[in-house]
Amino acid sequence: MARKPRFPTLWEVPDDLWDRIRPILDEHEPPKPTGRPRVDRRRVLDGIIFRLRTGCQWNHIPKVYGDDSTLHRYFQKWVAEGVFEALWALIVKECKDLGKVDWEWQSADGAMGKARMGGMR
């Protein structure tokens, strides 16, 4: 059985996709003319994608993506405010448009076991 050709894995947001993501973030958090400079949100998003793709712990994300606490804080904030859902929908749409999402085969990971302290009944 011949294998399908593999597409490159999305680890970092390409420039053309970032051009469509930035307005979503700017609408939610407009740039401020004064004050402390904001962290590089593209690098933050790349770090979050790395975390979601690998399943590693937040404190094991490579330092090239920035401080793990900052990444986690942005992720929690974006999820709570519905921004991450919009970002992820755009990323999935772009991947689907490029034919990179194979919906025929998907998997979920989970674990089952006894609750050590009895748990709720």
PDB file of N, CA and C in Angstrom:
ATOM      1  N   MET A   1       0.842  -1.175   0.000  1.00  0.00           N
ATOM      2  CA  MET A   1       0.000   0.000   0.000  1.00  0.00           C
ATOM      3  C   MET A   1       0.892   1.245   0.000  1.00  0.00           C
ATOM      4  N   ALA A   2       0.676   2.102  -0.938  1.00  0.00           N
ATOM      5  CA  ALA A   2       1.482   3.322  -1.058  1.00  0.00           C
ATOM      6  C   ALA A   2       1.018   4.361  -0.038  1.00  0.00           C
ATOM      7  N   ARG A   3       1.996   5.015   0.569  1.00  0.00           N
ATOM      8  CA  ARG A   3       1.675   6.071   1.534  1.00  0.00           C
ATOM      9  C   ARG A   3       1.375   7.376   0.805  1.00  0.00           C
ATOM     10  N   LYS A   4       0.492   8.151   1.430  1.00  0.00           N
ATOM     11  CA  LYS A   4       0.218   9.480   0.899  1.00  0.00           C
ATOM     12  C   LYS A   4       1.434  10.363   1.164  1.00  0.00           C
ATOM     13  N   PRO A   5       1.705  11.304   0.277  1.00  0.00           N
ATOM     14  CA  PRO A   5       2.824  12.214   0.550  1.00  0.00           C
ATOM     15  C   PRO A   5       2.521  13.070   1.780  1.00  0.00           C
ATOM     16  N   ARG A   6       3.532  13.281   2.602  1.00  0.00           N
ATOM     17  CA  ARG A   6       3.351  14.074   3.821  1.00  0.00           C
ATOM     18  C   ARG A   6       3.535  15.551   3.512  1.00  0.00           C
ATOM     19  N   PHE A   7       2.736  16.363   4.200  1.00  0.00           N
ATOM     20  CA  PHE A   7       2.862  17.800   4.087  1.00  0.00           C
ATOM     21  C   PHE A   7       3.712  18.304   5.237  1.00  0.00           C
ATOM     22  N   PRO A   8       4.332  19.447   5.089  1.00  0.00           N
ATOM     23  CA  PRO A   8       5.131  19.980   6.190  1.00  0.00           C
ATOM     24  C   PRO A   8       4.244  20.294   7.389  1.00  0.00           C
ATOM     25  N   THR A   9       4.766  20.063   8.567  1.00  0.00           N
ATOM     26  CA  THR A   9       4.037  20.295   9.801  1.00  0.00           C
ATOM     27  C   THR A   9       4.091  21.768  10.158  1.00  0.00           C
ATOM     28  N   LEU A  10       2.970  22.296  10.647  1.00  0.00           N
ATOM     29  CA  LEU A  10       2.918  23.686  11.063  1.00  0.00           C
ATOM     30  C   LEU A  10       3.472  23.795  12.476  1.00  0.00           C
ATOM     31  N   TRP A  11       4.664  24.359  12.594  1.00  0.00           N
ATOM     32  CA  TRP A  11       5.276  24.618  13.899  1.00  0.00           C
ATOM     33  C   TRP A  11       5.293  26.104  14.176  1.00  0.00           C
ATOM     34  N   GLU A  12       5.403  26.892  13.129  1.00  0.00           N
ATOM     35  CA  GLU A  12       5.425  28.338  13.264  1.00  0.00           C
ATOM     36  C   GLU A  12       4.483  28.930  12.221  1.00  0.00           C
ATOM     37  N   VAL A  13       3.879  30.034  12.569  1.00  0.00           N
ATOM     38  CA  VAL A  13       2.903  30.675  11.694  1.00  0.00           C
ATOM     39  C   VAL A  13       3.628  31.328  10.521  1.00  0.00           C
ATOM     40  N   PRO A  14       3.272  30.940   9.286  1.00  0.00           N
ATOM     41  CA  PRO A  14       3.907  31.560   8.112  1.00  0.00           C
ATOM     42  C   PRO A  14       3.498  33.037   7.988  1.00  0.00           C
ATOM     43  N   ASP A  15       4.292  33.798   7.238  1.00  0.00           N
ATOM     44  CA  ASP A  15       4.054  35.238   7.097  1.00  0.00           C
ATOM     45  C   ASP A  15       2.662  35.561   6.567  1.00  0.00           C
ATOM     46  N   ASP A  16       2.224  34.857   5.521  1.00  0.00           N
ATOM     47  CA  ASP A  16       0.914  35.170   4.946  1.00  0.00           C
ATOM     48  C   ASP A  16      -0.228  34.876   5.919  1.00  0.00           C
ATOM     49  N   LEU A  17      -0.104  33.829   6.709  1.00  0.00           N
ATOM     50  CA  LEU A  17      -1.122  33.526   7.715  1.00  0.00           C
ATOM     51  C   LEU A  17      -1.075  34.545   8.849  1.00  0.00           C
ATOM     52  N   TRP A  18       0.128  34.959   9.244  1.00  0.00           N
ATOM     53  CA  TRP A  18       0.254  35.962  10.302  1.00  0.00           C
ATOM     54  C   TRP A  18      -0.408  37.284   9.883  1.00  0.00           C
ATOM     55  N   ASP A  19      -0.345  37.615   8.599  1.00  0.00           N
ATOM     56  CA  ASP A  19      -0.984  38.835   8.113  1.00  0.00           C
ATOM     57  C   ASP A  19      -2.501  38.790   8.309  1.00  0.00           C
ATOM     58  N   ARG A  20      -3.086  37.597   8.367  1.00  0.00           N
ATOM     59  CA  ARG A  20      -4.524  37.461   8.619  1.00  0.00           C
ATOM     60  C   ARG A  20      -4.838  37.308  10.106  1.00  0.00           C
ATOM     61  N   ILE A  21      -3.863  36.843  10.885  1.00  0.00           N
ATOM     62  CA  ILE A  21      -4.075  36.672  12.328  1.00  0.00           C
ATOM     63  C   ILE A  21      -3.912  37.993  13.072  1.00  0.00           C
ATOM     64  N   ARG A  22      -2.936  38.786  12.670  1.00  0.00           N
ATOM     65  CA  ARG A  22      -2.644  40.041  13.386  1.00  0.00           C
ATOM     66  C   ARG A  22      -3.868  40.946  13.547  1.00  0.00           C
ATOM     67  N   PRO A  23      -4.706  41.141  12.504  1.00  0.00           N
ATOM     68  CA  PRO A  23      -5.878  42.005  12.709  1.00  0.00           C
ATOM     69  C   PRO A  23      -6.834  41.488  13.787  1.00  0.00           C
ATOM     70  N   ILE A  24      -6.938  40.177  13.944  1.00  0.00           N
ATOM     71  CA  ILE A  24      -7.799  39.616  14.996  1.00  0.00           C
ATOM     72  C   ILE A  24      -7.257  40.014  16.360  1.00  0.00           C
ATOM     73  N   LEU A  25      -5.950  39.896  16.532  1.00  0.00           N
ATOM     74  CA  LEU A  25      -5.337  40.265  17.811  1.00  0.00           C
ATOM     75  C   LEU A  25      -5.385  41.777  18.035  1.00  0.00           C
ATOM     76  N   ASP A  26      -5.146  42.561  16.971  1.00  0.00           N
ATOM     77  CA  ASP A  26      -5.178  44.021  17.100  1.00  0.00           C
ATOM     78  C   ASP A  26      -6.584  44.525  17.419  1.00  0.00           C
ATOM     79  N   GLU A  27      -7.601  43.854  16.889  1.00  0.00           N
ATOM     80  CA  GLU A  27      -8.980  44.242  17.194  1.00  0.00           C
ATOM     81  C   GLU A  27      -9.285  43.981  18.665  1.00  0.00           C
ATOM     82  N   HIS A  28      -8.775  42.874  19.163  1.00  0.00           N
ATOM     83  CA  HIS A  28      -9.024  42.511  20.557  1.00  0.00           C
ATOM     84  C   HIS A  28      -8.189  43.344  21.523  1.00  0.00           C
ATOM     85  N   GLU A  29      -6.932  43.562  21.184  1.00  0.00           N
ATOM     86  CA  GLU A  29      -6.011  44.345  22.007  1.00  0.00           C
ATOM     87  C   GLU A  29      -5.304  45.360  21.121  1.00  0.00           C
ATOM     88  N   PRO A  30      -5.928  46.519  20.901  1.00  0.00           N
ATOM     89  CA  PRO A  30      -5.290  47.508  20.014  1.00  0.00           C
ATOM     90  C   PRO A  30      -3.929  47.948  20.561  1.00  0.00           C
ATOM     91  N   PRO A  31      -2.980  48.211  19.668  1.00  0.00           N
ATOM     92  CA  PRO A  31      -1.664  48.683  20.123  1.00  0.00           C
ATOM     93  C   PRO A  31      -1.808  50.012  20.866  1.00  0.00           C
ATOM     94  N   LYS A  32      -1.045  50.163  21.932  1.00  0.00           N
ATOM     95  CA  LYS A  32      -1.082  51.393  22.719  1.00  0.00           C
ATOM     96  C   LYS A  32       0.133  52.242  22.365  1.00  0.00           C
ATOM     97  N   PRO A  33      -0.076  53.566  22.235  1.00  0.00           N
ATOM     98  CA  PRO A  33       1.050  54.422  21.834  1.00  0.00           C
ATOM     99  C   PRO A  33       2.100  54.611  22.925  1.00  0.00           C
ATOM    100  N   THR A  34       1.705  54.409  24.171  1.00  0.00           N
ATOM    101  CA  THR A  34       2.660  54.605  25.268  1.00  0.00           C
ATOM    102  C   THR A  34       2.656  53.377  26.167  1.00  0.00           C
ATOM    103  N   GLY A  35       3.583  53.364  27.098  1.00  0.00           N
ATOM    104  CA  GLY A  35       3.638  52.269  28.058  1.00  0.00           C
ATOM    105  C   GLY A  35       4.670  51.229  27.696  1.00  0.00           C
ATOM    106  N   ARG A  36       4.639  50.175  28.455  1.00  0.00           N
ATOM    107  CA  ARG A  36       5.593  49.084  28.277  1.00  0.00           C
ATOM    108  C   ARG A  36       5.340  48.363  26.952  1.00  0.00           C
ATOM    109  N   PRO A  37       6.409  48.051  26.213  1.00  0.00           N
ATOM    110  CA  PRO A  37       6.209  47.346  24.938  1.00  0.00           C
ATOM    111  C   PRO A  37       5.590  45.963  25.156  1.00  0.00           C
ATOM    112  N   ARG A  38       4.720  45.601  24.274  1.00  0.00           N
ATOM    113  CA  ARG A  38       4.057  44.311  24.338  1.00  0.00           C
ATOM    114  C   ARG A  38       5.013  43.215  23.870  1.00  0.00           C
ATOM    115  N   VAL A  39       4.823  42.001  24.376  1.00  0.00           N
ATOM    116  CA  VAL A  39       5.640  40.873  23.908  1.00  0.00           C
ATOM    117  C   VAL A  39       5.286  40.585  22.456  1.00  0.00           C
ATOM    118  N   ASP A  40       6.165  39.885  21.775  1.00  0.00           N
ATOM    119  CA  ASP A  40       5.940  39.509  20.378  1.00  0.00           C
ATOM    120  C   ASP A  40       4.839  38.447  20.345  1.00  0.00           C
ATOM    121  N   ARG A  41       3.639  38.854  19.944  1.00  0.00           N
ATOM    122  CA  ARG A  41       2.494  37.933  19.966  1.00  0.00           C
ATOM    123  C   ARG A  41       2.639  36.810  18.944  1.00  0.00           C
ATOM    124  N   ARG A  42       3.368  37.046  17.891  1.00  0.00           N
ATOM    125  CA  ARG A  42       3.603  35.972  16.919  1.00  0.00           C
ATOM    126  C   ARG A  42       4.442  34.869  17.556  1.00  0.00           C
ATOM    127  N   ARG A  43       5.472  35.269  18.296  1.00  0.00           N
ATOM    128  CA  ARG A  43       6.313  34.284  18.986  1.00  0.00           C
ATOM    129  C   ARG A  43       5.501  33.564  20.060  1.00  0.00           C
ATOM    130  N   VAL A  44       4.597  34.282  20.723  1.00  0.00           N
ATOM    131  CA  VAL A  44       3.716  33.665  21.718  1.00  0.00           C
ATOM    132  C   VAL A  44       2.843  32.610  21.045  1.00  0.00           C
ATOM    133  N   LEU A  45       2.239  32.958  19.914  1.00  0.00           N
ATOM    134  CA  LEU A  45       1.386  32.001  19.203  1.00  0.00           C
ATOM    135  C   LEU A  45       2.195  30.801  18.728  1.00  0.00           C
ATOM    136  N   ASP A  46       3.416  31.032  18.250  1.00  0.00           N
ATOM    137  CA  ASP A  46       4.282  29.917  17.847  1.00  0.00           C
ATOM    138  C   ASP A  46       4.560  28.991  19.034  1.00  0.00           C
ATOM    139  N   GLY A  47       4.790  29.573  20.208  1.00  0.00           N
ATOM    140  CA  GLY A  47       5.027  28.775  21.414  1.00  0.00           C
ATOM    141  C   GLY A  47       3.803  27.973  21.812  1.00  0.00           C
ATOM    142  N   ILE A  48       2.627  28.571  21.676  1.00  0.00           N
ATOM    143  CA  ILE A  48       1.387  27.856  22.003  1.00  0.00           C
ATOM    144  C   ILE A  48       1.179  26.708  21.017  1.00  0.00           C
ATOM    145  N   ILE A  49       1.437  26.957  19.743  1.00  0.00           N
ATOM    146  CA  ILE A  49       1.319  25.881  18.745  1.00  0.00           C
ATOM    147  C   ILE A  49       2.297  24.762  19.073  1.00  0.00           C
ATOM    148  N   PHE A  50       3.518  25.114  19.456  1.00  0.00           N
ATOM    149  CA  PHE A  50       4.498  24.091  19.843  1.00  0.00           C
ATOM    150  C   PHE A  50       3.956  23.266  20.997  1.00  0.00           C
ATOM    151  N   ARG A  51       3.402  23.926  22.000  1.00  0.00           N
ATOM    152  CA  ARG A  51       2.851  23.238  23.184  1.00  0.00           C
ATOM    153  C   ARG A  51       1.709  22.300  22.788  1.00  0.00           C
ATOM    154  N   LEU A  52       0.810  22.772  21.925  1.00  0.00           N
ATOM    155  CA  LEU A  52      -0.331  21.945  21.512  1.00  0.00           C
ATOM    156  C   LEU A  52       0.111  20.786  20.629  1.00  0.00           C
ATOM    157  N   ARG A  53       1.115  20.996  19.799  1.00  0.00           N
ATOM    158  CA  ARG A  53       1.568  19.925  18.902  1.00  0.00           C
ATOM    159  C   ARG A  53       2.338  18.837  19.645  1.00  0.00           C
ATOM    160  N   THR A  54       3.143  19.239  20.640  1.00  0.00           N
ATOM    161  CA  THR A  54       3.992  18.257  21.320  1.00  0.00           C
ATOM    162  C   THR A  54       3.349  17.678  22.567  1.00  0.00           C
ATOM    163  N   GLY A  55       2.468  18.441  23.197  1.00  0.00           N
ATOM    164  CA  GLY A  55       1.874  17.989  24.457  1.00  0.00           C
ATOM    165  C   GLY A  55       2.805  18.145  25.644  1.00  0.00           C
ATOM    166  N   CYS A  56       3.903  18.863  25.461  1.00  0.00           N
ATOM    167  CA  CYS A  56       4.859  19.035  26.556  1.00  0.00           C
ATOM    168  C   CYS A  56       4.256  19.946  27.633  1.00  0.00           C
ATOM    169  N   GLN A  57       4.885  19.951  28.784  1.00  0.00           N
ATOM    170  CA  GLN A  57       4.460  20.848  29.848  1.00  0.00           C
ATOM    171  C   GLN A  57       4.862  22.266  29.482  1.00  0.00           C
ATOM    172  N   TRP A  58       4.136  23.226  30.045  1.00  0.00           N
ATOM    173  CA  TRP A  58       4.423  24.624  29.732  1.00  0.00           C
ATOM    174  C   TRP A  58       5.872  24.984  30.061  1.00  0.00           C
ATOM    175  N   ASN A  59       6.392  24.455  31.155  1.00  0.00           N
ATOM    176  CA  ASN A  59       7.758  24.828  31.540  1.00  0.00           C
ATOM    177  C   ASN A  59       8.826  24.087  30.734  1.00  0.00           C
ATOM    178  N   HIS A  60       8.437  23.266  29.778  1.00  0.00           N
ATOM    179  CA  HIS A  60       9.400  22.595  28.901  1.00  0.00           C
ATOM    180  C   HIS A  60       9.388  23.147  27.474  1.00  0.00           C
ATOM    181  N   ILE A  61       8.644  24.220  27.260  1.00  0.00           N
ATOM    182  CA  ILE A  61       8.640  24.857  25.943  1.00  0.00           C
ATOM    183  C   ILE A  61      10.002  25.529  25.745  1.00  0.00           C
ATOM    184  N   PRO A  62      10.629  25.348  24.585  1.00  0.00           N
ATOM    185  CA  PRO A  62      11.945  25.969  24.356  1.00  0.00           C
ATOM    186  C   PRO A  62      11.906  27.484  24.566  1.00  0.00           C
ATOM    187  N   LYS A  63      12.980  28.008  25.105  1.00  0.00           N
ATOM    188  CA  LYS A  63      13.065  29.431  25.436  1.00  0.00           C
ATOM    189  C   LYS A  63      13.009  30.344  24.210  1.00  0.00           C
ATOM    190  N   VAL A  64      13.202  29.789  23.009  1.00  0.00           N
ATOM    191  CA  VAL A  64      13.108  30.633  21.811  1.00  0.00           C
ATOM    192  C   VAL A  64      11.709  31.231  21.662  1.00  0.00           C
ATOM    193  N   TYR A  65      10.707  30.602  22.287  1.00  0.00           N
ATOM    194  CA  TYR A  65       9.334  31.099  22.209  1.00  0.00           C
ATOM    195  C   TYR A  65       9.013  32.096  23.316  1.00  0.00           C
ATOM    196  N   GLY A  66       9.916  32.293  24.245  1.00  0.00           N
ATOM    197  CA  GLY A  66       9.690  33.246  25.314  1.00  0.00           C
ATOM    198  C   GLY A  66       9.468  32.550  26.646  1.00  0.00           C
ATOM    199  N   ASP A  67       9.116  33.340  27.629  1.00  0.00           N
ATOM    200  CA  ASP A  67       8.899  32.849  28.981  1.00  0.00           C
ATOM    201  C   ASP A  67       7.655  31.966  29.042  1.00  0.00           C
ATOM    202  N   ASP A  68       7.763  30.807  29.682  1.00  0.00           N
ATOM    203  CA  ASP A  68       6.644  29.878  29.749  1.00  0.00           C
ATOM    204  C   ASP A  68       5.443  30.470  30.480  1.00  0.00           C
ATOM    205  N   SER A  69       5.675  31.278  31.488  1.00  0.00           N
ATOM    206  CA  SER A  69       4.567  31.909  32.213  1.00  0.00           C
ATOM    207  C   SER A  69       3.817  32.890  31.315  1.00  0.00           C
ATOM    208  N   THR A  70       4.554  33.611  30.500  1.00  0.00           N
ATOM    209  CA  THR A  70       3.926  34.554  29.568  1.00  0.00           C
ATOM    210  C   THR A  70       3.088  33.807  28.541  1.00  0.00           C
ATOM    211  N   LEU A  71       3.636  32.718  27.997  1.00  0.00           N
ATOM    212  CA  LEU A  71       2.898  31.927  27.019  1.00  0.00           C
ATOM    213  C   LEU A  71       1.609  31.389  27.631  1.00  0.00           C
ATOM    214  N   HIS A  72       1.710  30.844  28.830  1.00  0.00           N
ATOM    215  CA  HIS A  72       0.540  30.281  29.493  1.00  0.00           C
ATOM    216  C   HIS A  72      -0.485  31.366  29.804  1.00  0.00           C
ATOM    217  N   ARG A  73      -0.020  32.511  30.253  1.00  0.00           N
ATOM    218  CA  ARG A  73      -0.922  33.625  30.586  1.00  0.00           C
ATOM    219  C   ARG A  73      -1.681  34.094  29.336  1.00  0.00           C
ATOM    220  N   TYR A  74      -0.974  34.263  28.216  1.00  0.00           N
ATOM    221  CA  TYR A  74      -1.632  34.664  26.971  1.00  0.00           C
ATOM    222  C   TYR A  74      -2.623  33.595  26.517  1.00  0.00           C
ATOM    223  N   PHE A  75      -2.221  32.327  26.596  1.00  0.00           N
ATOM    224  CA  PHE A  75      -3.122  31.244  26.191  1.00  0.00           C
ATOM    225  C   PHE A  75      -4.405  31.272  27.028  1.00  0.00           C
ATOM    226  N   GLN A  76      -4.273  31.362  28.343  1.00  0.00           N
ATOM    227  CA  GLN A  76      -5.442  31.398  29.221  1.00  0.00           C
ATOM    228  C   GLN A  76      -6.313  32.615  28.915  1.00  0.00           C
ATOM    229  N   LYS A  77      -5.691  33.750  28.702  1.00  0.00           N
ATOM    230  CA  LYS A  77      -6.433  34.977  28.408  1.00  0.00           C
ATOM    231  C   LYS A  77      -7.173  34.853  27.084  1.00  0.00           C
ATOM    232  N   TRP A  78      -6.477  34.390  26.048  1.00  0.00           N
ATOM    233  CA  TRP A  78      -7.106  34.253  24.733  1.00  0.00           C
ATOM    234  C   TRP A  78      -8.242  33.245  24.764  1.00  0.00           C
ATOM    235  N   VAL A  79      -8.089  32.159  25.505  1.00  0.00           N
ATOM    236  CA  VAL A  79      -9.165  31.166  25.611  1.00  0.00           C
ATOM    237  C   VAL A  79     -10.367  31.760  26.331  1.00  0.00           C
ATOM    238  N   ALA A  80     -10.124  32.422  27.478  1.00  0.00           N
ATOM    239  CA  ALA A  80     -11.213  32.991  28.276  1.00  0.00           C
ATOM    240  C   ALA A  80     -11.991  34.052  27.505  1.00  0.00           C
ATOM    241  N   GLU A  81     -11.306  34.800  26.652  1.00  0.00           N
ATOM    242  CA  GLU A  81     -11.952  35.891  25.929  1.00  0.00           C
ATOM    243  C   GLU A  81     -12.431  35.499  24.537  1.00  0.00           C
ATOM    244  N   GLY A  82     -12.272  34.225  24.158  1.00  0.00           N
ATOM    245  CA  GLY A  82     -12.757  33.742  22.871  1.00  0.00           C
ATOM    246  C   GLY A  82     -11.858  34.062  21.692  1.00  0.00           C
ATOM    247  N   VAL A  83     -10.716  34.663  21.950  1.00  0.00           N
ATOM    248  CA  VAL A  83      -9.793  35.025  20.873  1.00  0.00           C
ATOM    249  C   VAL A  83      -9.133  33.779  20.300  1.00  0.00           C
ATOM    250  N   PHE A  84      -8.752  32.848  21.163  1.00  0.00           N
ATOM    251  CA  PHE A  84      -8.048  31.663  20.679  1.00  0.00           C
ATOM    252  C   PHE A  84      -8.944  30.834  19.762  1.00  0.00           C
ATOM    253  N   GLU A  85     -10.236  30.781  20.062  1.00  0.00           N
ATOM    254  CA  GLU A  85     -11.164  30.037  19.203  1.00  0.00           C
ATOM    255  C   GLU A  85     -11.166  30.631  17.790  1.00  0.00           C
ATOM    256  N   ALA A  86     -11.168  31.961  17.696  1.00  0.00           N
ATOM    257  CA  ALA A  86     -11.123  32.615  16.382  1.00  0.00           C
ATOM    258  C   ALA A  86      -9.799  32.342  15.678  1.00  0.00           C
ATOM    259  N   LEU A  87      -8.694  32.402  16.429  1.00  0.00           N
ATOM    260  CA  LEU A  87      -7.380  32.132  15.844  1.00  0.00           C
ATOM    261  C   LEU A  87      -7.291  30.695  15.338  1.00  0.00           C
ATOM    262  N   TRP A  88      -7.737  29.770  16.174  1.00  0.00           N
ATOM    263  CA  TRP A  88      -7.641  28.353  15.807  1.00  0.00           C
ATOM    264  C   TRP A  88      -8.536  28.032  14.615  1.00  0.00           C
ATOM    265  N   ALA A  89      -9.720  28.654  14.562  1.00  0.00           N
ATOM    266  CA  ALA A  89     -10.619  28.441  13.421  1.00  0.00           C
ATOM    267  C   ALA A  89      -9.954  28.912  12.129  1.00  0.00           C
ATOM    268  N   LEU A  90      -9.271  30.051  12.194  1.00  0.00           N
ATOM    269  CA  LEU A  90      -8.570  30.554  11.016  1.00  0.00           C
ATOM    270  C   LEU A  90      -7.432  29.619  10.613  1.00  0.00           C
ATOM    271  N   ILE A  91      -6.675  29.138  11.587  1.00  0.00           N
ATOM    272  CA  ILE A  91      -5.568  28.220  11.287  1.00  0.00           C
ATOM    273  C   ILE A  91      -6.097  26.930  10.657  1.00  0.00           C
ATOM    274  N   VAL A  92      -7.159  26.363  11.218  1.00  0.00           N
ATOM    275  CA  VAL A  92      -7.729  25.129  10.662  1.00  0.00           C
ATOM    276  C   VAL A  92      -8.273  25.378   9.264  1.00  0.00           C
ATOM    277  N   LYS A  93      -8.936  26.515   9.065  1.00  0.00           N
ATOM    278  CA  LYS A  93      -9.463  26.839   7.730  1.00  0.00           C
ATOM    279  C   LYS A  93      -8.334  26.933   6.720  1.00  0.00           C
ATOM    280  N   GLU A  94      -7.250  27.593   7.102  1.00  0.00           N
ATOM    281  CA  GLU A  94      -6.110  27.715   6.194  1.00  0.00           C
ATOM    282  C   GLU A  94      -5.517  26.351   5.871  1.00  0.00           C
ATOM    283  N   CYS A  95      -5.387  25.506   6.859  1.00  0.00           N
ATOM    284  CA  CYS A  95      -4.848  24.163   6.616  1.00  0.00           C
ATOM    285  C   CYS A  95      -5.791  23.367   5.725  1.00  0.00           C
ATOM    286  N   LYS A  96      -7.086  23.492   5.975  1.00  0.00           N
ATOM    287  CA  LYS A  96      -8.062  22.776   5.163  1.00  0.00           C
ATOM    288  C   LYS A  96      -8.002  23.268   3.725  1.00  0.00           C
ATOM    289  N   ASP A  97      -7.897  24.601   3.542  1.00  0.00           N
ATOM    290  CA  ASP A  97      -7.811  25.164   2.200  1.00  0.00           C
ATOM    291  C   ASP A  97      -6.592  24.649   1.453  1.00  0.00           C
ATOM    292  N   LEU A  98      -5.518  24.366   2.181  1.00  0.00           N
ATOM    293  CA  LEU A  98      -4.309  23.871   1.555  1.00  0.00           C
ATOM    294  C   LEU A  98      -4.300  22.352   1.417  1.00  0.00           C
ATOM    295  N   GLY A  99      -5.375  21.709   1.858  1.00  0.00           N
ATOM    296  CA  GLY A  99      -5.456  20.260   1.775  1.00  0.00           C
ATOM    297  C   GLY A  99      -4.596  19.550   2.791  1.00  0.00           C
ATOM    298  N   LYS A 100      -4.289  20.210   3.902  1.00  0.00           N
ATOM    299  CA  LYS A 100      -3.387  19.625   4.882  1.00  0.00           C
ATOM    300  C   LYS A 100      -4.104  18.977   6.061  1.00  0.00           C
ATOM    301  N   VAL A 101      -5.418  19.013   6.069  1.00  0.00           N
ATOM    302  CA  VAL A 101      -6.147  18.360   7.145  1.00  0.00           C
ATOM    303  C   VAL A 101      -6.813  17.121   6.566  1.00  0.00           C
ATOM    304  N   ASP A 102      -6.432  15.973   7.056  1.00  0.00           N
ATOM    305  CA  ASP A 102      -7.022  14.715   6.612  1.00  0.00           C
ATOM    306  C   ASP A 102      -8.047  14.294   7.648  1.00  0.00           C
ATOM    307  N   TRP A 103      -9.316  14.577   7.374  1.00  0.00           N
ATOM    308  CA  TRP A 103     -10.384  14.307   8.338  1.00  0.00           C
ATOM    309  C   TRP A 103     -10.774  12.837   8.366  1.00  0.00           C
ATOM    310  N   GLU A 104     -10.213  12.001   7.485  1.00  0.00           N
ATOM    311  CA  GLU A 104     -10.543  10.583   7.491  1.00  0.00           C
ATOM    312  C   GLU A 104      -9.940   9.877   8.703  1.00  0.00           C
ATOM    313  N   TRP A 105      -8.828  10.382   9.203  1.00  0.00           N
ATOM    314  CA  TRP A 105      -8.173   9.727  10.323  1.00  0.00           C
ATOM    315  C   TRP A 105      -7.807  10.764  11.363  1.00  0.00           C
ATOM    316  N   GLN A 106      -8.421  10.651  12.505  1.00  0.00           N
ATOM    317  CA  GLN A 106      -8.110  11.521  13.637  1.00  0.00           C
ATOM    318  C   GLN A 106      -8.039  10.631  14.874  1.00  0.00           C
ATOM    319  N   SER A 107      -7.349  11.075  15.883  1.00  0.00           N
ATOM    320  CA  SER A 107      -7.277  10.282  17.102  1.00  0.00           C
ATOM    321  C   SER A 107      -7.331  11.198  18.311  1.00  0.00           C
ATOM    322  N   ALA A 108      -7.684  10.611  19.412  1.00  0.00           N
ATOM    323  CA  ALA A 108      -7.690  11.324  20.687  1.00  0.00           C
ATOM    324  C   ALA A 108      -6.936  10.471  21.685  1.00  0.00           C
ATOM    325  N   ASP A 109      -6.253  11.118  22.587  1.00  0.00           N
ATOM    326  CA  ASP A 109      -5.471  10.415  23.580  1.00  0.00           C
ATOM    327  C   ASP A 109      -6.151  10.582  24.923  1.00  0.00           C
ATOM    328  N   GLY A 110      -6.166   9.559  25.690  1.00  0.00           N
ATOM    329  CA  GLY A 110      -6.767   9.651  27.016  1.00  0.00           C
ATOM    330  C   GLY A 110      -6.263   8.529  27.899  1.00  0.00           C
ATOM    331  N   ALA A 111      -6.594   8.603  29.154  1.00  0.00           N
ATOM    332  CA  ALA A 111      -6.186   7.577  30.101  1.00  0.00           C
ATOM    333  C   ALA A 111      -7.336   7.308  31.055  1.00  0.00           C
ATOM    334  N   MET A 112      -7.470   6.074  31.444  1.00  0.00           N
ATOM    335  CA  MET A 112      -8.490   5.704  32.408  1.00  0.00           C
ATOM    336  C   MET A 112      -7.825   4.919  33.519  1.00  0.00           C
ATOM    337  N   GLY A 113      -8.249   5.134  34.695  1.00  0.00           N
ATOM    338  CA  GLY A 113      -7.694   4.407  35.822  1.00  0.00           C
ATOM    339  C   GLY A 113      -8.528   4.674  37.054  1.00  0.00           C
ATOM    340  N   LYS A 114      -8.267   3.908  38.096  1.00  0.00           N
ATOM    341  CA  LYS A 114      -8.993   4.079  39.343  1.00  0.00           C
ATOM    342  C   LYS A 114      -8.592   5.372  40.026  1.00  0.00           C
ATOM    343  N   ALA A 115      -9.553   5.995  40.685  1.00  0.00           N
ATOM    344  CA  ALA A 115      -9.248   7.179  41.480  1.00  0.00           C
ATOM    345  C   ALA A 115      -8.605   6.710  42.773  1.00  0.00           C
ATOM    346  N   ARG A 116      -7.404   7.183  43.038  1.00  0.00           N
ATOM    347  CA  ARG A 116      -6.645   6.682  44.216  1.00  0.00           C
ATOM    348  C   ARG A 116      -7.352   6.950  45.516  1.00  0.00           C
ATOM    349  N   MET A 117      -8.007   8.074  45.659  1.00  0.00           N
ATOM    350  CA  MET A 117      -8.666   8.424  46.921  1.00  0.00           C
ATOM    351  C   MET A 117     -10.172   8.175  46.863  1.00  0.00           C
ATOM    352  N   GLY A 118     -10.618   7.386  45.929  1.00  0.00           N
ATOM    353  CA  GLY A 118     -12.030   7.031  45.861  1.00  0.00           C
ATOM    354  C   GLY A 118     -12.819   7.863  44.874  1.00  0.00           C
ATOM    355  N   GLY A 119     -12.537   9.119  44.764  1.00  0.00           N
ATOM    356  CA  GLY A 119     -13.246   9.976  43.806  1.00  0.00           C
ATOM    357  C   GLY A 119     -14.704  10.169  44.173  1.00  0.00           C
ATOM    358  N   MET A 120     -15.417  10.873  43.308  1.00  0.00           N
ATOM    359  CA  MET A 120     -16.855  11.111  43.494  1.00  0.00           C
ATOM    360  C   MET A 120     -17.633   9.925  42.962  1.00  0.00           C
ATOM    361  N   ARG A 121     -18.732   9.579  43.620  1.00  0.00           N
ATOM    362  CA  ARG A 121     -19.577   8.483  43.143  1.00  0.00           C
ATOM    363  C   ARG A 121     -20.826   9.000  42.528  1.00  0.00           C
TER     364      ARG A 121
END
